[in-house]
Amino acid sequence: MARDYAKEYAEYHSNPTQRKNRSMRNIARRALDLEKGDPREVDHRKPLSKGGSNGKKNLRAVSKKTNRKKYDG
């Protein structure tokens, strides 16, 4: 089944909350000087979704594998 990107944007990505979250993630990448193409990701020690912030003490640069295994359940 083909992915409907227009519908996905209209229902999720254009939501004001999601736009704010995306902005916060971009700010976090800039705070850690992670440039486009850098294989590392920003890890929020306390996730934004649980009240975390973009403060330096809450951010660290980790590998994609390390960042995503935290949420494997």
PDB file of N, CA and C in Angstrom:
ATOM      1  N   MET A   1       0.846  -1.183   0.000  1.00  0.00           N
ATOM      2  CA  MET A   1       0.000   0.000   0.000  1.00  0.00           C
ATOM      3  C   MET A   1       0.890   1.245   0.000  1.00  0.00           C
ATOM      4  N   ALA A   2       0.579   2.173  -0.856  1.00  0.00           N
ATOM      5  CA  ALA A   2       1.360   3.399  -0.986  1.00  0.00           C
ATOM      6  C   ALA A   2       1.064   4.336   0.187  1.00  0.00           C
ATOM      7  N   ARG A   3       2.069   5.057   0.582  1.00  0.00           N
ATOM      8  CA  ARG A   3       1.952   5.996   1.699  1.00  0.00           C
ATOM      9  C   ARG A   3       1.375   7.315   1.192  1.00  0.00           C
ATOM     10  N   ASP A   4       0.367   7.838   1.856  1.00  0.00           N
ATOM     11  CA  ASP A   4      -0.281   9.095   1.477  1.00  0.00           C
ATOM     12  C   ASP A   4       0.343  10.225   2.299  1.00  0.00           C
ATOM     13  N   TYR A   5       1.385  10.829   1.745  1.00  0.00           N
ATOM     14  CA  TYR A   5       2.125  11.854   2.477  1.00  0.00           C
ATOM     15  C   TYR A   5       1.302  13.107   2.728  1.00  0.00           C
ATOM     16  N   ALA A   6       0.455  13.480   1.778  1.00  0.00           N
ATOM     17  CA  ALA A   6      -0.369  14.680   1.954  1.00  0.00           C
ATOM     18  C   ALA A   6      -1.328  14.493   3.125  1.00  0.00           C
ATOM     19  N   LYS A   7      -1.940  13.324   3.206  1.00  0.00           N
ATOM     20  CA  LYS A   7      -2.858  13.038   4.306  1.00  0.00           C
ATOM     21  C   LYS A   7      -2.104  12.990   5.633  1.00  0.00           C
ATOM     22  N   GLU A   8      -0.935  12.360   5.620  1.00  0.00           N
ATOM     23  CA  GLU A   8      -0.114  12.258   6.827  1.00  0.00           C
ATOM     24  C   GLU A   8       0.261  13.646   7.345  1.00  0.00           C
ATOM     25  N   TYR A   9       0.650  14.535   6.432  1.00  0.00           N
ATOM     26  CA  TYR A   9       0.993  15.893   6.838  1.00  0.00           C
ATOM     27  C   TYR A   9      -0.229  16.612   7.399  1.00  0.00           C
ATOM     28  N   ALA A  10      -1.345  16.512   6.696  1.00  0.00           N
ATOM     29  CA  ALA A  10      -2.558  17.216   7.111  1.00  0.00           C
ATOM     30  C   ALA A  10      -3.047  16.760   8.482  1.00  0.00           C
ATOM     31  N   GLU A  11      -2.918  15.471   8.773  1.00  0.00           N
ATOM     32  CA  GLU A  11      -3.454  14.937  10.016  1.00  0.00           C
ATOM     33  C   GLU A  11      -2.464  14.933  11.180  1.00  0.00           C
ATOM     34  N   TYR A  12      -1.167  14.969  10.880  1.00  0.00           N
ATOM     35  CA  TYR A  12      -0.196  14.825  11.966  1.00  0.00           C
ATOM     36  C   TYR A  12       0.854  15.930  11.975  1.00  0.00           C
ATOM     37  N   HIS A  13       1.617  16.044  10.908  1.00  0.00           N
ATOM     38  CA  HIS A  13       2.765  16.944  10.892  1.00  0.00           C
ATOM     39  C   HIS A  13       2.394  18.426  10.939  1.00  0.00           C
ATOM     40  N   SER A  14       1.205  18.763  10.497  1.00  0.00           N
ATOM     41  CA  SER A  14       0.809  20.179  10.526  1.00  0.00           C
ATOM     42  C   SER A  14       0.176  20.565  11.863  1.00  0.00           C
ATOM     43  N   ASN A  15      -0.027  19.584  12.727  1.00  0.00           N
ATOM     44  CA  ASN A  15      -0.582  19.828  14.054  1.00  0.00           C
ATOM     45  C   ASN A  15       0.348  20.777  14.818  1.00  0.00           C
ATOM     46  N   PRO A  16      -0.184  21.825  15.441  1.00  0.00           N
ATOM     47  CA  PRO A  16       0.675  22.791  16.144  1.00  0.00           C
ATOM     48  C   PRO A  16       1.599  22.160  17.184  1.00  0.00           C
ATOM     49  N   THR A  17       1.133  21.150  17.880  1.00  0.00           N
ATOM     50  CA  THR A  17       1.975  20.488  18.884  1.00  0.00           C
ATOM     51  C   THR A  17       3.157  19.799  18.213  1.00  0.00           C
ATOM     52  N   GLN A  18       2.906  19.106  17.107  1.00  0.00           N
ATOM     53  CA  GLN A  18       3.976  18.402  16.406  1.00  0.00           C
ATOM     54  C   GLN A  18       4.951  19.386  15.760  1.00  0.00           C
ATOM     55  N   ARG A  19       4.451  20.514  15.281  1.00  0.00           N
ATOM     56  CA  ARG A  19       5.341  21.531  14.704  1.00  0.00           C
ATOM     57  C   ARG A  19       6.263  22.086  15.780  1.00  0.00           C
ATOM     58  N   LYS A  20       5.729  22.301  16.983  1.00  0.00           N
ATOM     59  CA  LYS A  20       6.552  22.793  18.091  1.00  0.00           C
ATOM     60  C   LYS A  20       7.600  21.750  18.479  1.00  0.00           C
ATOM     61  N   ASN A  21       7.195  20.474  18.546  1.00  0.00           N
ATOM     62  CA  ASN A  21       8.144  19.412  18.876  1.00  0.00           C
ATOM     63  C   ASN A  21       9.266  19.321  17.856  1.00  0.00           C
ATOM     64  N   ARG A  22       8.935  19.426  16.572  1.00  0.00           N
ATOM     65  CA  ARG A  22       9.951  19.384  15.521  1.00  0.00           C
ATOM     66  C   ARG A  22      10.917  20.556  15.669  1.00  0.00           C
ATOM     67  N   SER A  23      10.387  21.711  15.987  1.00  0.00           N
ATOM     68  CA  SER A  23      11.224  22.892  16.205  1.00  0.00           C
ATOM     69  C   SER A  23      12.170  22.678  17.376  1.00  0.00           C
ATOM     70  N   MET A  24      11.666  22.091  18.458  1.00  0.00           N
ATOM     71  CA  MET A  24      12.503  21.822  19.631  1.00  0.00           C
ATOM     72  C   MET A  24      13.618  20.826  19.293  1.00  0.00           C
ATOM     73  N   ARG A  25      13.317  19.814  18.470  1.00  0.00           N
ATOM     74  CA  ARG A  25      14.351  18.853  18.072  1.00  0.00           C
ATOM     75  C   ARG A  25      15.416  19.540  17.225  1.00  0.00           C
ATOM     76  N   ASN A  26      15.013  20.438  16.346  1.00  0.00           N
ATOM     77  CA  ASN A  26      15.984  21.169  15.526  1.00  0.00           C
ATOM     78  C   ASN A  26      16.867  22.070  16.383  1.00  0.00           C
ATOM     79  N   ILE A  27      16.291  22.712  17.366  1.00  0.00           N
ATOM     80  CA  ILE A  27      17.057  23.564  18.286  1.00  0.00           C
ATOM     81  C   ILE A  27      18.076  22.721  19.051  1.00  0.00           C
ATOM     82  N   ALA A  28      17.668  21.528  19.459  1.00  0.00           N
ATOM     83  CA  ALA A  28      18.568  20.637  20.189  1.00  0.00           C
ATOM     84  C   ALA A  28      19.754  20.230  19.317  1.00  0.00           C
ATOM     85  N   ARG A  29      19.521  19.935  18.042  1.00  0.00           N
ATOM     86  CA  ARG A  29      20.623  19.571  17.140  1.00  0.00           C
ATOM     87  C   ARG A  29      21.608  20.728  17.010  1.00  0.00           C
ATOM     88  N   ARG A  30      21.090  21.937  16.902  1.00  0.00           N
ATOM     89  CA  ARG A  30      21.977  23.103  16.795  1.00  0.00           C
ATOM     90  C   ARG A  30      22.756  23.318  18.088  1.00  0.00           C
ATOM     91  N   ALA A  31      22.116  23.062  19.236  1.00  0.00           N
ATOM     92  CA  ALA A  31      22.787  23.250  20.521  1.00  0.00           C
ATOM     93  C   ALA A  31      23.989  22.323  20.674  1.00  0.00           C
ATOM     94  N   LEU A  32      23.919  21.144  20.064  1.00  0.00           N
ATOM     95  CA  LEU A  32      25.023  20.189  20.140  1.00  0.00           C
ATOM     96  C   LEU A  32      25.948  20.264  18.920  1.00  0.00           C
ATOM     97  N   ASP A  33      25.728  21.228  18.052  1.00  0.00           N
ATOM     98  CA  ASP A  33      26.529  21.407  16.843  1.00  0.00           C
ATOM     99  C   ASP A  33      26.561  20.159  15.971  1.00  0.00           C
ATOM    100  N   LEU A  34      25.434  19.448  15.877  1.00  0.00           N
ATOM    101  CA  LEU A  34      25.337  18.292  14.997  1.00  0.00           C
ATOM    102  C   LEU A  34      24.891  18.791  13.621  1.00  0.00           C
ATOM    103  N   GLU A  35      25.765  18.623  12.657  1.00  0.00           N
ATOM    104  CA  GLU A  35      25.465  19.115  11.324  1.00  0.00           C
ATOM    105  C   GLU A  35      24.747  18.059  10.503  1.00  0.00           C
ATOM    106  N   LYS A  36      24.170  18.491   9.395  1.00  0.00           N
ATOM    107  CA  LYS A  36      23.490  17.581   8.489  1.00  0.00           C
ATOM    108  C   LYS A  36      24.474  16.504   8.040  1.00  0.00           C
ATOM    109  N   GLY A  37      24.049  15.259   8.099  1.00  0.00           N
ATOM    110  CA  GLY A  37      24.910  14.161   7.701  1.00  0.00           C
ATOM    111  C   GLY A  37      25.655  13.508   8.855  1.00  0.00           C
ATOM    112  N   ASP A  38      25.625  14.136  10.027  1.00  0.00           N
ATOM    113  CA  ASP A  38      26.266  13.547  11.202  1.00  0.00           C
ATOM    114  C   ASP A  38      25.483  12.290  11.584  1.00  0.00           C
ATOM    115  N   PRO A  39      26.149  11.151  11.757  1.00  0.00           N
ATOM    116  CA  PRO A  39      25.421   9.908  12.044  1.00  0.00           C
ATOM    117  C   PRO A  39      24.830   9.847  13.451  1.00  0.00           C
ATOM    118  N   ARG A  40      25.245  10.740  14.328  1.00  0.00           N
ATOM    119  CA  ARG A  40      24.720  10.736  15.693  1.00  0.00           C
ATOM    120  C   ARG A  40      23.371  11.433  15.767  1.00  0.00           C
ATOM    121  N   GLU A  41      22.640  11.130  16.819  1.00  0.00           N
ATOM    122  CA  GLU A  41      21.355  11.774  17.077  1.00  0.00           C
ATOM    123  C   GLU A  41      21.398  12.442  18.439  1.00  0.00           C
ATOM    124  N   VAL A  42      20.494  13.370  18.650  1.00  0.00           N
ATOM    125  CA  VAL A  42      20.373  14.011  19.958  1.00  0.00           C
ATOM    126  C   VAL A  42      19.511  13.116  20.840  1.00  0.00           C
ATOM    127  N   ASP A  43      20.012  12.818  22.014  1.00  0.00           N
ATOM    128  CA  ASP A  43      19.254  12.060  22.992  1.00  0.00           C
ATOM    129  C   ASP A  43      18.864  13.001  24.112  1.00  0.00           C
ATOM    130  N   HIS A  44      17.582  13.114  24.339  1.00  0.00           N
ATOM    131  CA  HIS A  44      17.088  13.876  25.482  1.00  0.00           C
ATOM    132  C   HIS A  44      17.025  12.896  26.644  1.00  0.00           C
ATOM    133  N   ARG A  45      17.816  13.118  27.651  1.00  0.00           N
ATOM    134  CA  ARG A  45      17.814  12.205  28.800  1.00  0.00           C
ATOM    135  C   ARG A  45      16.408  12.078  29.379  1.00  0.00           C
ATOM    136  N   LYS A  46      15.729  13.201  29.529  1.00  0.00           N
ATOM    137  CA  LYS A  46      14.303  13.194  29.876  1.00  0.00           C
ATOM    138  C   LYS A  46      13.583  13.685  28.621  1.00  0.00           C
ATOM    139  N   PRO A  47      12.813  12.822  27.953  1.00  0.00           N
ATOM    140  CA  PRO A  47      12.190  13.180  26.675  1.00  0.00           C
ATOM    141  C   PRO A  47      11.316  14.430  26.748  1.00  0.00           C
ATOM    142  N   LEU A  48      11.249  15.141  25.632  1.00  0.00           N
ATOM    143  CA  LEU A  48      10.389  16.324  25.553  1.00  0.00           C
ATOM    144  C   LEU A  48       8.947  15.943  25.869  1.00  0.00           C
ATOM    145  N   SER A  49       8.542  14.743  25.444  1.00  0.00           N
ATOM    146  CA  SER A  49       7.171  14.299  25.661  1.00  0.00           C
ATOM    147  C   SER A  49       6.850  14.078  27.139  1.00  0.00           C
ATOM    148  N   LYS A  50       7.894  13.974  27.964  1.00  0.00           N
ATOM    149  CA  LYS A  50       7.679  13.765  29.400  1.00  0.00           C
ATOM    150  C   LYS A  50       8.141  14.972  30.215  1.00  0.00           C
ATOM    151  N   GLY A  51       8.157  16.135  29.568  1.00  0.00           N
ATOM    152  CA  GLY A  51       8.480  17.361  30.278  1.00  0.00           C
ATOM    153  C   GLY A  51       9.941  17.756  30.253  1.00  0.00           C
ATOM    154  N   GLY A  52      10.752  17.061  29.445  1.00  0.00           N
ATOM    155  CA  GLY A  52      12.165  17.400  29.334  1.00  0.00           C
ATOM    156  C   GLY A  52      12.359  18.714  28.594  1.00  0.00           C
ATOM    157  N   SER A  53      13.595  19.178  28.592  1.00  0.00           N
ATOM    158  CA  SER A  53      13.892  20.452  27.940  1.00  0.00           C
ATOM    159  C   SER A  53      15.080  20.293  26.993  1.00  0.00           C
ATOM    160  N   ASN A  54      15.462  21.396  26.385  1.00  0.00           N
ATOM    161  CA  ASN A  54      16.630  21.418  25.520  1.00  0.00           C
ATOM    162  C   ASN A  54      17.845  21.981  26.243  1.00  0.00           C
ATOM    163  N   GLY A  55      17.821  21.980  27.556  1.00  0.00           N
ATOM    164  CA  GLY A  55      18.968  22.442  28.336  1.00  0.00           C
ATOM    165  C   GLY A  55      20.168  21.533  28.117  1.00  0.00           C
ATOM    166  N   LYS A  56      21.364  22.084  28.177  1.00  0.00           N
ATOM    167  CA  LYS A  56      22.594  21.311  27.943  1.00  0.00           C
ATOM    168  C   LYS A  56      22.684  20.059  28.814  1.00  0.00           C
ATOM    169  N   LYS A  57      22.200  20.121  30.046  1.00  0.00           N
ATOM    170  CA  LYS A  57      22.283  18.965  30.939  1.00  0.00           C
ATOM    171  C   LYS A  57      21.348  17.832  30.515  1.00  0.00           C
ATOM    172  N   ASN A  58      20.347  18.138  29.696  1.00  0.00           N
ATOM    173  CA  ASN A  58      19.393  17.121  29.261  1.00  0.00           C
ATOM    174  C   ASN A  58      19.737  16.553  27.883  1.00  0.00           C
ATOM    175  N   LEU A  59      20.775  17.060  27.229  1.00  0.00           N
ATOM    176  CA  LEU A  59      21.106  16.636  25.872  1.00  0.00           C
ATOM    177  C   LEU A  59      22.428  15.895  25.818  1.00  0.00           C
ATOM    178  N   ARG A  60      22.491  14.926  24.914  1.00  0.00           N
ATOM    179  CA  ARG A  60      23.761  14.274  24.613  1.00  0.00           C
ATOM    180  C   ARG A  60      23.680  13.727  23.197  1.00  0.00           C
ATOM    181  N   ALA A  61      24.819  13.635  22.531  1.00  0.00           N
ATOM    182  CA  ALA A  61      24.893  13.081  21.182  1.00  0.00           C
ATOM    183  C   ALA A  61      25.244  11.606  21.290  1.00  0.00           C
ATOM    184  N   VAL A  62      24.397  10.752  20.730  1.00  0.00           N
ATOM    185  CA  VAL A  62      24.619   9.312  20.781  1.00  0.00           C
ATOM    186  C   VAL A  62      24.354   8.707  19.406  1.00  0.00           C
ATOM    187  N   SER A  63      24.769   7.450  19.232  1.00  0.00           N
ATOM    188  CA  SER A  63      24.503   6.770  17.966  1.00  0.00           C
ATOM    189  C   SER A  63      23.006   6.517  17.825  1.00  0.00           C
ATOM    190  N   LYS A  64      22.582   6.321  16.600  1.00  0.00           N
ATOM    191  CA  LYS A  64      21.173   6.033  16.326  1.00  0.00           C
ATOM    192  C   LYS A  64      20.732   4.781  17.086  1.00  0.00           C
ATOM    193  N   LYS A  65      21.577   3.746  17.074  1.00  0.00           N
ATOM    194  CA  LYS A  65      21.259   2.492  17.751  1.00  0.00           C
ATOM    195  C   LYS A  65      21.045   2.713  19.247  1.00  0.00           C
ATOM    196  N   THR A  66      21.934   3.460  19.873  1.00  0.00           N
ATOM    197  CA  THR A  66      21.837   3.732  21.308  1.00  0.00           C
ATOM    198  C   THR A  66      20.569   4.515  21.631  1.00  0.00           C
ATOM    199  N   ASN A  67      20.273   5.524  20.833  1.00  0.00           N
ATOM    200  CA  ASN A  67      19.115   6.374  21.089  1.00  0.00           C
ATOM    201  C   ASN A  67      17.809   5.608  20.936  1.00  0.00           C
ATOM    202  N   ARG A  68      17.733   4.762  19.942  1.00  0.00           N
ATOM    203  CA  ARG A  68      16.462   4.095  19.663  1.00  0.00           C
ATOM    204  C   ARG A  68      16.218   2.852  20.499  1.00  0.00           C
ATOM    205  N   LYS A  69      17.260   2.247  21.030  1.00  0.00           N
ATOM    206  CA  LYS A  69      17.038   1.038  21.831  1.00  0.00           C
ATOM    207  C   LYS A  69      16.422   1.372  23.195  1.00  0.00           C
ATOM    208  N   LYS A  70      16.467   2.624  23.606  1.00  0.00           N
ATOM    209  CA  LYS A  70      15.847   3.037  24.857  1.00  0.00           C
ATOM    210  C   LYS A  70      14.335   2.806  24.815  1.00  0.00           C
ATOM    211  N   TYR A  71      13.754   2.819  23.630  1.00  0.00           N
ATOM    212  CA  TYR A  71      12.298   2.772  23.486  1.00  0.00           C
ATOM    213  C   TYR A  71      11.811   1.486  22.845  1.00  0.00           C
ATOM    214  N   ASP A  72      12.605   0.443  22.879  1.00  0.00           N
ATOM    215  CA  ASP A  72      12.189  -0.825  22.281  1.00  0.00           C
ATOM    216  C   ASP A  72      11.193  -1.589  23.138  1.00  0.00           C
ATOM    217  N   GLY A  73      10.902  -1.092  24.306  1.00  0.00           N
ATOM    218  CA  GLY A  73       9.878  -1.708  25.139  1.00  0.00           C
ATOM    219  C   GLY A  73      10.402  -2.795  25.903  1.00  0.00           C
TER     220      GLY A  73
END
